[in-house]
Amino acid sequence: MSLIVFNLDSDASLFDRLATAMSANKGELEQRKFPDGESYLRVLTDCKLHDVVIFCNLYQPDNKILRLLFLASTLKEMGANQIGLITPYLPYMRQDKQFHHGECVSSRPFAKLLSGSIDLLITMDPHLHRYDSLDEIYTLKSRVVSAAPLIAHWIQQHISNPLLIGPDMESEQWVSEVARLADAPFQILAKVRHGDTLVEISPPELEPYANTTPVLIDDIISSGNTMLETIHHLTLAKMKRPVCIGVHGIFAESAFAQLQQFADVITTQCISHPSNKIDIALALAEATLSLINEKRDETPCKL
């Protein structure tokens, strides 16, 4: 029983490396749009009694989620044994609390939607702020892959004397682990957010680290304002040109161009972008195979 992997509207080069790393056969799809904009989807590969993985990066999910649900439903009808989803970026995790009456806490209905359609979920460092784990809202089997070892390895290969900096307390879980793995010192700053784009950062204690290269690490780089404010303090302290590392590089509007003026910007391949320097294919593939085998041991094959 071979593993079949489909690419649904996502990074082709990462898909190729995932398929190779999992020794999986590539499934074929036929897709097009009807004149009214509705989606047509046909699975051309026989999937009966096979384990199937869909690679669909759900960054900007509203453009992809319907086709993902259509594909998962079709694969079940065709008799696929179990259906997994690899999405390096898991969306709708930041909306985890109702701040105003009537707001949709969208992480919960989105989790219910995916949990009812697929069996397995593999992702990288989802934004777990008010949730301790995905199991709080997802009822499927999931595996979270940590980017910390990959980032630590990149730092060891490219920066000789780093000082790791986390821009806020939320980043401590990533920064402290990267620092441990890279055997490097780190600092966590305090952030006060005054709006969607206006942030205030506490100045770091930099005097003991004058000869280091500052490495700013966060899970998501969106507006870039948090890192820009931190870089401002580093510039005043006459530190070396910093390096900004993000797990998920969203880069809203001109964020990437602004950051590049003052820092080297590096991201993982979770969201396809010119800043991608940290490979994630092998880590995702290993986690996927482990979860599939674990599920196989629990669930008998369909007859």
C-alpha atoms as a PDB file:
ATOM      1  CA  MET A   1       0.000   0.000   0.000  1.00  0.00           C
ATOM      2  CA  SER A   2       1.838   3.082  -1.257  1.00  0.00           C
ATOM      3  CA  LEU A   3       1.455   6.634   0.015  1.00  0.00           C
ATOM      4  CA  ILE A   4      -0.057   9.147  -2.408  1.00  0.00           C
ATOM      5  CA  VAL A   5       0.461  12.887  -2.040  1.00  0.00           C
ATOM      6  CA  PHE A   6      -1.470  15.613  -3.863  1.00  0.00           C
ATOM      7  CA  ASN A   7      -0.457  19.226  -4.322  1.00  0.00           C
ATOM      8  CA  LEU A   8      -3.432  21.551  -4.004  1.00  0.00           C
ATOM      9  CA  ASP A   9      -2.495  25.057  -5.156  1.00  0.00           C
ATOM     10  CA  SER A  10       0.769  25.256  -3.185  1.00  0.00           C
ATOM     11  CA  ASP A  11       4.555  25.637  -3.549  1.00  0.00           C
ATOM     12  CA  ALA A  12       5.617  23.184  -6.275  1.00  0.00           C
ATOM     13  CA  SER A  13       9.266  22.974  -5.243  1.00  0.00           C
ATOM     14  CA  LEU A  14       8.404  22.227  -1.609  1.00  0.00           C
ATOM     15  CA  PHE A  15       5.854  19.662  -2.799  1.00  0.00           C
ATOM     16  CA  ASP A  16       8.549  17.885  -4.853  1.00  0.00           C
ATOM     17  CA  ARG A  17      10.878  17.697  -1.856  1.00  0.00           C
ATOM     18  CA  LEU A  18       8.085  16.453   0.405  1.00  0.00           C
ATOM     19  CA  ALA A  19       7.116  13.711  -2.038  1.00  0.00           C
ATOM     20  CA  THR A  20      10.748  12.621  -2.361  1.00  0.00           C
ATOM     21  CA  ALA A  21      11.350  12.663   1.395  1.00  0.00           C
ATOM     22  CA  MET A  22       8.212  10.550   2.000  1.00  0.00           C
ATOM     23  CA  SER A  23       8.916   8.200  -0.957  1.00  0.00           C
ATOM     24  CA  ALA A  24       5.348   8.977  -2.013  1.00  0.00           C
ATOM     25  CA  ASN A  25       3.664   8.767  -5.391  1.00  0.00           C
ATOM     26  CA  LYS A  26       2.385  12.075  -6.743  1.00  0.00           C
ATOM     27  CA  GLY A  27      -1.350  12.137  -7.301  1.00  0.00           C
ATOM     28  CA  GLU A  28      -2.897  13.890 -10.281  1.00  0.00           C
ATOM     29  CA  LEU A  29      -5.763  16.353 -10.225  1.00  0.00           C
ATOM     30  CA  GLU A  30      -7.806  18.091 -12.879  1.00  0.00           C
ATOM     31  CA  GLN A  31      -9.026  21.548 -11.855  1.00  0.00           C
ATOM     32  CA  ARG A  32     -10.716  24.420 -13.620  1.00  0.00           C
ATOM     33  CA  LYS A  33     -13.300  27.136 -13.086  1.00  0.00           C
ATOM     34  CA  PHE A  34     -16.824  27.242 -14.450  1.00  0.00           C
ATOM     35  CA  PRO A  35     -17.947  30.524 -16.043  1.00  0.00           C
ATOM     36  CA  ASP A  36     -19.694  31.517 -12.811  1.00  0.00           C
ATOM     37  CA  GLY A  37     -16.458  31.083 -10.827  1.00  0.00           C
ATOM     38  CA  GLU A  38     -17.350  27.765  -9.197  1.00  0.00           C
ATOM     39  CA  SER A  39     -14.610  25.131  -8.946  1.00  0.00           C
ATOM     40  CA  TYR A  40     -14.405  21.870 -10.881  1.00  0.00           C
ATOM     41  CA  LEU A  41     -12.182  19.190  -9.374  1.00  0.00           C
ATOM     42  CA  ARG A  42     -11.463  15.631 -10.479  1.00  0.00           C
ATOM     43  CA  VAL A  43      -9.061  13.109  -8.922  1.00  0.00           C
ATOM     44  CA  LEU A  44      -7.267  11.195 -11.676  1.00  0.00           C
ATOM     45  CA  THR A  45      -5.300   8.827  -9.419  1.00  0.00           C
ATOM     46  CA  ASP A  46      -6.796   5.653  -7.961  1.00  0.00           C
ATOM     47  CA  CYS A  47      -6.680   6.109  -4.184  1.00  0.00           C
ATOM     48  CA  LYS A  48      -8.702   3.134  -2.966  1.00  0.00           C
ATOM     49  CA  LEU A  49      -7.167   1.607   0.203  1.00  0.00           C
ATOM     50  CA  HIS A  50      -4.205   4.002  -0.016  1.00  0.00           C
ATOM     51  CA  ASP A  51      -3.109   6.483   2.612  1.00  0.00           C
ATOM     52  CA  VAL A  52      -3.334   9.938   1.062  1.00  0.00           C
ATOM     53  CA  VAL A  53      -1.702  13.222   2.015  1.00  0.00           C
ATOM     54  CA  ILE A  54      -2.819  16.592   0.700  1.00  0.00           C
ATOM     55  CA  PHE A  55      -0.185  19.311   0.618  1.00  0.00           C
ATOM     56  CA  CYS A  56      -2.173  22.525   0.787  1.00  0.00           C
ATOM     57  CA  ASN A  57      -0.577  25.547   2.392  1.00  0.00           C
ATOM     58  CA  LEU A  58      -3.516  27.366   3.946  1.00  0.00           C
ATOM     59  CA  TYR A  59      -1.887  30.777   3.995  1.00  0.00           C
ATOM     60  CA  GLN A  60      -4.663  33.029   2.624  1.00  0.00           C
ATOM     61  CA  PRO A  61      -7.122  30.208   3.327  1.00  0.00           C
ATOM     62  CA  ASP A  62     -10.292  31.713   1.929  1.00  0.00           C
ATOM     63  CA  ASN A  63      -8.978  31.133  -1.604  1.00  0.00           C
ATOM     64  CA  LYS A  64      -8.292  27.427  -0.973  1.00  0.00           C
ATOM     65  CA  ILE A  65     -10.504  25.976   1.720  1.00  0.00           C
ATOM     66  CA  LEU A  66     -13.459  25.013  -0.511  1.00  0.00           C
ATOM     67  CA  ARG A  67     -11.263  23.083  -2.936  1.00  0.00           C
ATOM     68  CA  LEU A  68      -9.571  21.376   0.011  1.00  0.00           C
ATOM     69  CA  LEU A  69     -12.923  20.246   1.396  1.00  0.00           C
ATOM     70  CA  PHE A  70     -14.048  19.079  -2.062  1.00  0.00           C
ATOM     71  CA  LEU A  71     -10.825  17.099  -2.504  1.00  0.00           C
ATOM     72  CA  ALA A  72     -10.994  15.480   0.933  1.00  0.00           C
ATOM     73  CA  SER A  73     -14.639  14.487   0.367  1.00  0.00           C
ATOM     74  CA  THR A  74     -13.842  13.010  -3.053  1.00  0.00           C
ATOM     75  CA  LEU A  75     -10.903  11.021  -1.695  1.00  0.00           C
ATOM     76  CA  LYS A  76     -13.135   9.513   1.002  1.00  0.00           C
ATOM     77  CA  GLU A  77     -15.729   8.548  -1.613  1.00  0.00           C
ATOM     78  CA  MET A  78     -12.955   6.884  -3.641  1.00  0.00           C
ATOM     79  CA  GLY A  79     -12.048   4.698  -0.652  1.00  0.00           C
ATOM     80  CA  ALA A  80      -8.848   6.319   0.595  1.00  0.00           C
ATOM     81  CA  ASN A  81      -7.701   4.661   3.791  1.00  0.00           C
ATOM     82  CA  GLN A  82      -6.833   7.807   5.720  1.00  0.00           C
ATOM     83  CA  ILE A  83      -6.417  11.419   4.646  1.00  0.00           C
ATOM     84  CA  GLY A  84      -3.755  13.728   5.999  1.00  0.00           C
ATOM     85  CA  LEU A  85      -3.161  17.422   5.458  1.00  0.00           C
ATOM     86  CA  ILE A  86       0.237  19.108   5.440  1.00  0.00           C
ATOM     87  CA  THR A  87      -0.198  22.855   5.848  1.00  0.00           C
ATOM     88  CA  PRO A  88       2.982  24.618   7.005  1.00  0.00           C
ATOM     89  CA  TYR A  89       0.892  27.678   7.925  1.00  0.00           C
ATOM     90  CA  LEU A  90      -2.264  26.931   9.919  1.00  0.00           C
ATOM     91  CA  PRO A  91      -4.668  29.883   9.647  1.00  0.00           C
ATOM     92  CA  TYR A  92      -7.344  31.256  11.955  1.00  0.00           C
ATOM     93  CA  MET A  93      -5.313  30.595  15.096  1.00  0.00           C
ATOM     94  CA  ARG A  94      -4.894  34.223  16.156  1.00  0.00           C
ATOM     95  CA  GLN A  95      -8.643  34.714  16.654  1.00  0.00           C
ATOM     96  CA  ASP A  96      -8.770  32.785  19.926  1.00  0.00           C
ATOM     97  CA  LYS A  97     -10.864  35.074  22.132  1.00  0.00           C
ATOM     98  CA  GLN A  98     -14.007  37.167  21.836  1.00  0.00           C
ATOM     99  CA  PHE A  99     -13.092  40.759  22.669  1.00  0.00           C
ATOM    100  CA  HIS A 100     -16.425  42.303  21.628  1.00  0.00           C
ATOM    101  CA  HIS A 101     -19.967  40.940  21.668  1.00  0.00           C
ATOM    102  CA  GLY A 102     -20.842  39.200  18.424  1.00  0.00           C
ATOM    103  CA  GLU A 103     -17.261  38.549  17.278  1.00  0.00           C
ATOM    104  CA  CYS A 104     -16.586  35.167  15.710  1.00  0.00           C
ATOM    105  CA  VAL A 105     -13.809  33.275  17.505  1.00  0.00           C
ATOM    106  CA  SER A 106     -12.939  31.837  14.118  1.00  0.00           C
ATOM    107  CA  SER A 107     -10.269  29.408  15.313  1.00  0.00           C
ATOM    108  CA  ARG A 108     -13.024  27.173  16.715  1.00  0.00           C
ATOM    109  CA  PRO A 109     -15.399  26.791  13.725  1.00  0.00           C
ATOM    110  CA  PHE A 110     -12.395  26.492  11.417  1.00  0.00           C
ATOM    111  CA  ALA A 111     -10.991  23.676  13.563  1.00  0.00           C
ATOM    112  CA  LYS A 112     -14.389  21.954  13.523  1.00  0.00           C
ATOM    113  CA  LEU A 113     -14.521  22.266   9.735  1.00  0.00           C
ATOM    114  CA  LEU A 114     -11.111  20.666   9.187  1.00  0.00           C
ATOM    115  CA  SER A 115     -11.622  18.026  11.871  1.00  0.00           C
ATOM    116  CA  GLY A 116     -14.762  16.824  10.115  1.00  0.00           C
ATOM    117  CA  SER A 117     -13.036  16.511   6.741  1.00  0.00           C
ATOM    118  CA  ILE A 118      -9.577  14.993   7.300  1.00  0.00           C
ATOM    119  CA  ASP A 119      -7.986  12.479   9.639  1.00  0.00           C
ATOM    120  CA  LEU A 120      -4.499  13.882  10.193  1.00  0.00           C
ATOM    121  CA  LEU A 121      -3.027  17.379  10.384  1.00  0.00           C
ATOM    122  CA  ILE A 122       0.654  18.291  10.165  1.00  0.00           C
ATOM    123  CA  THR A 123       1.713  21.904  10.598  1.00  0.00           C
ATOM    124  CA  MET A 124       4.623  24.032  11.817  1.00  0.00           C
ATOM    125  CA  ASP A 125       4.500  26.255  14.898  1.00  0.00           C
ATOM    126  CA  PRO A 126       0.861  27.370  14.838  1.00  0.00           C
ATOM    127  CA  HIS A 127       0.052  30.498  16.805  1.00  0.00           C
ATOM    128  CA  LEU A 128      -0.791  28.906  20.158  1.00  0.00           C
ATOM    129  CA  HIS A 129      -1.379  31.846  22.467  1.00  0.00           C
ATOM    130  CA  ARG A 130      -4.473  31.155  24.538  1.00  0.00           C
ATOM    131  CA  TYR A 131      -4.591  27.460  23.565  1.00  0.00           C
ATOM    132  CA  ASP A 132      -2.133  25.037  25.129  1.00  0.00           C
ATOM    133  CA  SER A 133      -2.325  22.687  22.139  1.00  0.00           C
ATOM    134  CA  LEU A 134      -4.278  22.032  18.963  1.00  0.00           C
ATOM    135  CA  ASP A 135      -6.153  19.282  20.814  1.00  0.00           C
ATOM    136  CA  GLU A 136      -8.186  21.956  22.608  1.00  0.00           C
ATOM    137  CA  ILE A 137     -10.079  22.775  19.411  1.00  0.00           C
ATOM    138  CA  TYR A 138      -9.194  20.036  16.877  1.00  0.00           C
ATOM    139  CA  THR A 139     -10.630  16.531  17.215  1.00  0.00           C
ATOM    140  CA  LEU A 140      -8.379  14.913  14.588  1.00  0.00           C
ATOM    141  CA  LYS A 141      -4.864  13.597  15.154  1.00  0.00           C
ATOM    142  CA  SER A 142      -2.287  16.333  14.727  1.00  0.00           C
ATOM    143  CA  ARG A 143       1.448  16.788  14.780  1.00  0.00           C
ATOM    144  CA  VAL A 144       3.115  20.158  15.340  1.00  0.00           C
ATOM    145  CA  VAL A 145       6.597  20.437  13.881  1.00  0.00           C
ATOM    146  CA  SER A 146       8.909  22.856  15.664  1.00  0.00           C
ATOM    147  CA  ALA A 147      11.005  25.243  13.592  1.00  0.00           C
ATOM    148  CA  ALA A 148      13.398  25.796  16.508  1.00  0.00           C
ATOM    149  CA  PRO A 149      15.932  23.071  15.550  1.00  0.00           C
ATOM    150  CA  LEU A 150      15.933  24.276  11.932  1.00  0.00           C
ATOM    151  CA  ILE A 151      16.452  27.903  12.932  1.00  0.00           C
ATOM    152  CA  ALA A 152      19.149  26.973  15.444  1.00  0.00           C
ATOM    153  CA  HIS A 153      21.007  24.975  12.804  1.00  0.00           C
ATOM    154  CA  TRP A 154      20.832  27.895  10.355  1.00  0.00           C
ATOM    155  CA  ILE A 155      22.191  30.293  12.988  1.00  0.00           C
ATOM    156  CA  GLN A 156      25.071  27.948  13.822  1.00  0.00           C
ATOM    157  CA  GLN A 157      25.946  27.680  10.137  1.00  0.00           C
ATOM    158  CA  HIS A 158      25.768  31.406   9.323  1.00  0.00           C
ATOM    159  CA  ILE A 159      26.311  33.585  12.433  1.00  0.00           C
ATOM    160  CA  SER A 160      29.463  33.223  14.505  1.00  0.00           C
ATOM    161  CA  ASN A 161      28.574  35.257  17.610  1.00  0.00           C
ATOM    162  CA  PRO A 162      24.789  35.710  17.884  1.00  0.00           C
ATOM    163  CA  LEU A 163      22.622  37.357  20.511  1.00  0.00           C
ATOM    164  CA  LEU A 164      19.071  36.089  20.169  1.00  0.00           C
ATOM    165  CA  ILE A 165      16.283  38.580  20.860  1.00  0.00           C
ATOM    166  CA  GLY A 166      12.565  37.913  21.257  1.00  0.00           C
ATOM    167  CA  PRO A 167      10.421  41.028  20.794  1.00  0.00           C
ATOM    168  CA  ASP A 168       7.746  40.033  23.325  1.00  0.00           C
ATOM    169  CA  MET A 169       6.786  37.417  25.899  1.00  0.00           C
ATOM    170  CA  GLU A 170       4.841  35.423  23.277  1.00  0.00           C
ATOM    171  CA  SER A 171       8.102  34.812  21.418  1.00  0.00           C
ATOM    172  CA  GLU A 172       9.905  33.386  24.458  1.00  0.00           C
ATOM    173  CA  GLN A 173       8.802  29.822  23.732  1.00  0.00           C
ATOM    174  CA  TRP A 174      10.580  29.915  20.357  1.00  0.00           C
ATOM    175  CA  VAL A 175      13.571  32.086  21.260  1.00  0.00           C
ATOM    176  CA  SER A 176      14.557  30.230  24.433  1.00  0.00           C
ATOM    177  CA  GLU A 177      14.485  26.875  22.646  1.00  0.00           C
ATOM    178  CA  VAL A 178      16.469  28.178  19.665  1.00  0.00           C
ATOM    179  CA  ALA A 179      18.995  29.685  22.098  1.00  0.00           C
ATOM    180  CA  ARG A 180      19.358  26.357  23.899  1.00  0.00           C
ATOM    181  CA  LEU A 181      19.863  24.432  20.676  1.00  0.00           C
ATOM    182  CA  ALA A 182      22.262  27.019  19.216  1.00  0.00           C
ATOM    183  CA  ASP A 183      24.086  27.463  22.549  1.00  0.00           C
ATOM    184  CA  ALA A 184      23.613  31.228  22.347  1.00  0.00           C
ATOM    185  CA  PRO A 185      22.547  33.961  24.807  1.00  0.00           C
ATOM    186  CA  PHE A 186      19.090  35.481  24.466  1.00  0.00           C
ATOM    187  CA  GLN A 187      16.889  38.312  25.714  1.00  0.00           C
ATOM    188  CA  ILE A 188      13.118  38.696  25.758  1.00  0.00           C
ATOM    189  CA  LEU A 189      11.753  42.227  25.475  1.00  0.00           C
ATOM    190  CA  ALA A 190       8.463  43.688  26.655  1.00  0.00           C
ATOM    191  CA  LYS A 191       5.959  44.888  24.042  1.00  0.00           C
ATOM    192  CA  VAL A 192       3.010  47.212  24.489  1.00  0.00           C
ATOM    193  CA  ARG A 193       0.632  47.248  21.516  1.00  0.00           C
ATOM    194  CA  HIS A 194      -1.318  50.471  21.012  1.00  0.00           C
ATOM    195  CA  GLY A 195      -3.126  49.287  17.869  1.00  0.00           C
ATOM    196  CA  ASP A 196      -2.795  46.978  14.869  1.00  0.00           C
ATOM    197  CA  THR A 197       0.379  48.717  13.674  1.00  0.00           C
ATOM    198  CA  LEU A 198       1.613  50.857  16.602  1.00  0.00           C
ATOM    199  CA  VAL A 199       3.838  49.064  19.096  1.00  0.00           C
ATOM    200  CA  GLU A 200       6.243  50.117  21.831  1.00  0.00           C
ATOM    201  CA  ILE A 201       9.228  47.912  22.717  1.00  0.00           C
ATOM    202  CA  SER A 202      11.350  48.040  25.864  1.00  0.00           C
ATOM    203  CA  PRO A 203      15.036  48.752  25.078  1.00  0.00           C
ATOM    204  CA  PRO A 204      17.240  45.644  25.397  1.00  0.00           C
ATOM    205  CA  GLU A 205      20.242  45.376  27.746  1.00  0.00           C
ATOM    206  CA  LEU A 206      22.983  45.455  25.132  1.00  0.00           C
ATOM    207  CA  GLU A 207      26.124  46.665  26.902  1.00  0.00           C
ATOM    208  CA  PRO A 208      27.535  43.150  27.574  1.00  0.00           C
ATOM    209  CA  TYR A 209      26.909  42.115  23.949  1.00  0.00           C
ATOM    210  CA  ALA A 210      28.610  44.862  21.957  1.00  0.00           C
ATOM    211  CA  ASN A 211      30.467  42.433  19.673  1.00  0.00           C
ATOM    212  CA  THR A 212      27.546  40.130  18.934  1.00  0.00           C
ATOM    213  CA  THR A 213      25.196  40.005  15.953  1.00  0.00           C
ATOM    214  CA  PRO A 214      21.605  40.615  17.100  1.00  0.00           C
ATOM    215  CA  VAL A 215      19.205  37.943  15.826  1.00  0.00           C
ATOM    216  CA  LEU A 216      15.527  38.854  16.206  1.00  0.00           C
ATOM    217  CA  ILE A 217      13.231  35.813  16.202  1.00  0.00           C
ATOM    218  CA  ASP A 218       9.439  35.650  16.065  1.00  0.00           C
ATOM    219  CA  ASP A 219       6.845  33.167  14.848  1.00  0.00           C
ATOM    220  CA  ILE A 220       5.029  35.614  12.554  1.00  0.00           C
ATOM    221  CA  ILE A 221       6.349  38.690  10.773  1.00  0.00           C
ATOM    222  CA  SER A 222       3.316  40.596   9.536  1.00  0.00           C
ATOM    223  CA  SER A 223       3.455  44.401   9.691  1.00  0.00           C
ATOM    224  CA  GLY A 224       7.106  44.238  10.779  1.00  0.00           C
ATOM    225  CA  ASN A 225       6.560  47.098  13.241  1.00  0.00           C
ATOM    226  CA  THR A 226       7.602  45.067  16.260  1.00  0.00           C
ATOM    227  CA  MET A 227      10.940  44.205  14.674  1.00  0.00           C
ATOM    228  CA  LEU A 228      11.426  47.725  13.299  1.00  0.00           C
ATOM    229  CA  GLU A 229      10.963  49.201  16.762  1.00  0.00           C
ATOM    230  CA  THR A 230      13.472  46.706  18.175  1.00  0.00           C
ATOM    231  CA  ILE A 231      15.941  47.490  15.386  1.00  0.00           C
ATOM    232  CA  HIS A 232      15.642  51.175  16.291  1.00  0.00           C
ATOM    233  CA  HIS A 233      16.982  50.409  19.782  1.00  0.00           C
ATOM    234  CA  LEU A 234      19.779  48.301  18.304  1.00  0.00           C
ATOM    235  CA  THR A 235      20.777  51.119  15.975  1.00  0.00           C
ATOM    236  CA  LEU A 236      20.925  53.611  18.858  1.00  0.00           C
ATOM    237  CA  ALA A 237      23.209  51.178  20.682  1.00  0.00           C
ATOM    238  CA  LYS A 238      25.456  50.956  17.575  1.00  0.00           C
ATOM    239  CA  MET A 239      25.086  47.203  17.327  1.00  0.00           C
ATOM    240  CA  LYS A 240      25.996  45.229  14.211  1.00  0.00           C
ATOM    241  CA  ARG A 241      23.453  44.953  11.410  1.00  0.00           C
ATOM    242  CA  PRO A 242      20.800  42.584  12.809  1.00  0.00           C
ATOM    243  CA  VAL A 243      19.248  39.477  11.338  1.00  0.00           C
ATOM    244  CA  CYS A 244      15.458  39.047  11.514  1.00  0.00           C
ATOM    245  CA  ILE A 245      14.187  35.462  11.456  1.00  0.00           C
ATOM    246  CA  GLY A 246      10.522  34.538  11.176  1.00  0.00           C
ATOM    247  CA  VAL A 247       8.837  31.148  11.051  1.00  0.00           C
ATOM    248  CA  HIS A 248       5.944  32.566   9.008  1.00  0.00           C
ATOM    249  CA  GLY A 249       6.792  35.540   6.796  1.00  0.00           C
ATOM    250  CA  ILE A 250       3.485  37.250   5.991  1.00  0.00           C
ATOM    251  CA  PHE A 251       5.023  40.686   5.257  1.00  0.00           C
ATOM    252  CA  ALA A 252       1.944  42.873   4.956  1.00  0.00           C
ATOM    253  CA  GLU A 253       2.191  45.758   2.507  1.00  0.00           C
ATOM    254  CA  SER A 254       5.791  47.137   2.455  1.00  0.00           C
ATOM    255  CA  ALA A 255       7.003  45.349   5.601  1.00  0.00           C
ATOM    256  CA  PHE A 256       9.674  43.285   3.843  1.00  0.00           C
ATOM    257  CA  ALA A 257      11.168  46.274   2.000  1.00  0.00           C
ATOM    258  CA  GLN A 258      11.251  48.336   5.199  1.00  0.00           C
ATOM    259  CA  LEU A 259      12.975  45.587   7.172  1.00  0.00           C
ATOM    260  CA  GLN A 260      15.523  44.986   4.439  1.00  0.00           C
ATOM    261  CA  GLN A 261      16.742  48.556   4.782  1.00  0.00           C
ATOM    262  CA  PHE A 262      18.027  47.855   8.287  1.00  0.00           C
ATOM    263  CA  ALA A 263      18.417  44.081   8.621  1.00  0.00           C
ATOM    264  CA  ASP A 264      18.949  40.790   6.836  1.00  0.00           C
ATOM    265  CA  VAL A 265      15.582  39.026   6.715  1.00  0.00           C
ATOM    266  CA  ILE A 266      15.341  35.226   6.831  1.00  0.00           C
ATOM    267  CA  THR A 267      12.276  32.980   6.969  1.00  0.00           C
ATOM    268  CA  THR A 268      11.424  29.317   6.821  1.00  0.00           C
ATOM    269  CA  GLN A 269       9.628  27.948   3.761  1.00  0.00           C
ATOM    270  CA  CYS A 270       6.278  27.915   5.577  1.00  0.00           C
ATOM    271  CA  ILE A 271       5.062  30.726   3.298  1.00  0.00           C
ATOM    272  CA  SER A 272       6.706  30.952  -0.117  1.00  0.00           C
ATOM    273  CA  HIS A 273       8.744  34.188  -0.267  1.00  0.00           C
ATOM    274  CA  PRO A 274      12.168  35.418  -1.512  1.00  0.00           C
ATOM    275  CA  SER A 275      13.344  35.488   2.130  1.00  0.00           C
ATOM    276  CA  ASN A 276      13.003  31.689   2.445  1.00  0.00           C
ATOM    277  CA  LYS A 277      16.363  30.255   3.502  1.00  0.00           C
ATOM    278  CA  ILE A 278      15.427  27.581   6.049  1.00  0.00           C
ATOM    279  CA  ASP A 279      14.300  24.265   4.547  1.00  0.00           C
ATOM    280  CA  ILE A 280      11.349  22.524   6.210  1.00  0.00           C
ATOM    281  CA  ALA A 281      10.633  19.617   3.844  1.00  0.00           C
ATOM    282  CA  LEU A 282      12.436  16.833   5.708  1.00  0.00           C
ATOM    283  CA  ALA A 283      11.030  17.830   9.107  1.00  0.00           C
ATOM    284  CA  LEU A 284       7.466  17.914   7.755  1.00  0.00           C
ATOM    285  CA  ALA A 285       7.934  14.628   5.895  1.00  0.00           C
ATOM    286  CA  GLU A 286       9.260  12.810   8.971  1.00  0.00           C
ATOM    287  CA  ALA A 287       6.392  14.079  11.112  1.00  0.00           C
ATOM    288  CA  THR A 288       3.853  13.056   8.490  1.00  0.00           C
ATOM    289  CA  LEU A 289       5.178   9.518   8.136  1.00  0.00           C
ATOM    290  CA  SER A 290       5.313   9.130  11.907  1.00  0.00           C
ATOM    291  CA  LEU A 291       1.697  10.244  12.302  1.00  0.00           C
ATOM    292  CA  ILE A 292       0.479   8.051   9.431  1.00  0.00           C
ATOM    293  CA  ASN A 293       2.157   4.975  10.916  1.00  0.00           C
ATOM    294  CA  GLU A 294       0.761   5.798  14.345  1.00  0.00           C
ATOM    295  CA  LYS A 295      -2.744   6.078  12.913  1.00  0.00           C
ATOM    296  CA  ARG A 296      -2.295   2.839  10.920  1.00  0.00           C
ATOM    297  CA  ASP A 297      -1.521   0.982  14.130  1.00  0.00           C
ATOM    298  CA  GLU A 298      -4.777   2.242  15.670  1.00  0.00           C
ATOM    299  CA  THR A 299      -7.134   1.874  12.677  1.00  0.00           C
ATOM    300  CA  PRO A 300      -7.633  -1.286  10.575  1.00  0.00           C
ATOM    301  CA  CYS A 301      -7.511  -0.880   6.812  1.00  0.00           C
ATOM    302  CA  LYS A 302     -10.859  -0.532   5.032  1.00  0.00           C
ATOM    303  CA  LEU A 303     -12.085  -3.555   3.100  1.00  0.00           C
END
